[in-house]
Amino acid sequence: MTLGELFLGAMSSGVITKGEMTWVTDHQDGFSRTEEAVAQRLGRMIDQGSIQLGCRMPSR
């Protein structure tokens, strides 16, 4: 998984899982400047309520 994939998945579903949040925090030391900016944007979107912390329902 990459931060870009995670970000796009959260944007398309409006949800980020606890496991994905854990992955972000575990890998943030290795982020490039661009990835840091993406992580900050993701955090702002969570703060604004645009992305919810929860679980995704599997698609049929």
C-alpha atoms as a PDB file:
ATOM      1  CA  MET A   1       0.000   0.000   0.000  1.00  0.00           C
ATOM      2  CA  THR A   2       1.157   3.527  -0.696  1.00  0.00           C
ATOM      3  CA  LEU A   3      -0.084   6.780   0.764  1.00  0.00           C
ATOM      4  CA  GLY A   4      -1.378   7.792  -2.666  1.00  0.00           C
ATOM      5  CA  GLU A   5      -3.483   4.629  -2.929  1.00  0.00           C
ATOM      6  CA  LEU A   6      -4.777   5.097   0.594  1.00  0.00           C
ATOM      7  CA  PHE A   7      -5.638   8.740  -0.078  1.00  0.00           C
ATOM      8  CA  LEU A   8      -7.497   7.948  -3.297  1.00  0.00           C
ATOM      9  CA  GLY A   9      -9.429   5.159  -1.580  1.00  0.00           C
ATOM     10  CA  ALA A  10     -10.428   7.459   1.270  1.00  0.00           C
ATOM     11  CA  MET A  11     -11.441  10.183  -1.187  1.00  0.00           C
ATOM     12  CA  SER A  12     -13.599   7.855  -3.274  1.00  0.00           C
ATOM     13  CA  SER A  13     -15.329   6.162  -0.331  1.00  0.00           C
ATOM     14  CA  GLY A  14     -15.312   9.007   2.200  1.00  0.00           C
ATOM     15  CA  VAL A  15     -13.989   6.570   4.800  1.00  0.00           C
ATOM     16  CA  ILE A  16     -10.588   5.743   6.256  1.00  0.00           C
ATOM     17  CA  THR A  17     -10.218   2.687   8.460  1.00  0.00           C
ATOM     18  CA  LYS A  18      -8.427   2.421  11.788  1.00  0.00           C
ATOM     19  CA  GLY A  19      -5.902   0.085  10.161  1.00  0.00           C
ATOM     20  CA  GLU A  20      -5.170   2.623   7.437  1.00  0.00           C
ATOM     21  CA  MET A  21      -4.689   5.375  10.020  1.00  0.00           C
ATOM     22  CA  THR A  22      -2.285   3.091  11.874  1.00  0.00           C
ATOM     23  CA  TRP A  23      -0.385   2.466   8.630  1.00  0.00           C
ATOM     24  CA  VAL A  24      -0.047   6.238   8.040  1.00  0.00           C
ATOM     25  CA  THR A  25       1.318   6.860  11.531  1.00  0.00           C
ATOM     26  CA  ASP A  26       3.677   3.862  11.356  1.00  0.00           C
ATOM     27  CA  HIS A  27       5.180   5.010   8.030  1.00  0.00           C
ATOM     28  CA  GLN A  28       5.198   8.793   8.374  1.00  0.00           C
ATOM     29  CA  ASP A  29       8.926   8.913   9.176  1.00  0.00           C
ATOM     30  CA  GLY A  30       9.687   7.690   5.654  1.00  0.00           C
ATOM     31  CA  PHE A  31       7.350  10.058   3.782  1.00  0.00           C
ATOM     32  CA  SER A  32       8.707  12.382   1.128  1.00  0.00           C
ATOM     33  CA  ARG A  33       7.725  16.062   1.225  1.00  0.00           C
ATOM     34  CA  THR A  34       4.929  15.373  -1.227  1.00  0.00           C
ATOM     35  CA  GLU A  35       3.627  12.488   0.880  1.00  0.00           C
ATOM     36  CA  GLU A  36       3.769  14.691   3.989  1.00  0.00           C
ATOM     37  CA  ALA A  37       1.580  17.230   2.200  1.00  0.00           C
ATOM     38  CA  VAL A  38      -0.874  14.475   1.235  1.00  0.00           C
ATOM     39  CA  ALA A  39      -0.979  13.221   4.835  1.00  0.00           C
ATOM     40  CA  GLN A  40      -1.657  16.753   6.075  1.00  0.00           C
ATOM     41  CA  ARG A  41      -4.471  17.168   3.549  1.00  0.00           C
ATOM     42  CA  LEU A  42      -5.922  13.843   4.632  1.00  0.00           C
ATOM     43  CA  GLY A  43      -5.813  14.995   8.261  1.00  0.00           C
ATOM     44  CA  ARG A  44      -7.563  18.266   7.402  1.00  0.00           C
ATOM     45  CA  MET A  45     -10.283  16.394   5.537  1.00  0.00           C
ATOM     46  CA  ILE A  46     -10.824  14.130   8.553  1.00  0.00           C
ATOM     47  CA  ASP A  47     -10.981  17.200  10.822  1.00  0.00           C
ATOM     48  CA  GLN A  48     -13.544  18.832   8.498  1.00  0.00           C
ATOM     49  CA  GLY A  49     -15.669  15.689   8.373  1.00  0.00           C
ATOM     50  CA  SER A  50     -15.156  15.133   4.641  1.00  0.00           C
ATOM     51  CA  ILE A  51     -13.614  11.749   5.432  1.00  0.00           C
ATOM     52  CA  GLN A  52     -14.978   9.637   8.270  1.00  0.00           C
ATOM     53  CA  LEU A  53     -13.116   7.164  10.459  1.00  0.00           C
ATOM     54  CA  GLY A  54     -14.883   3.828  10.129  1.00  0.00           C
ATOM     55  CA  CYS A  55     -15.168   0.760   7.963  1.00  0.00           C
ATOM     56  CA  ARG A  56     -16.005   0.241   4.330  1.00  0.00           C
ATOM     57  CA  MET A  57     -18.781  -2.088   3.288  1.00  0.00           C
ATOM     58  CA  PRO A  58     -17.641  -4.547   0.624  1.00  0.00           C
ATOM     59  CA  SER A  59     -19.111  -3.902  -2.805  1.00  0.00           C
ATOM     60  CA  ARG A  60     -21.295  -6.599  -4.339  1.00  0.00           C
END
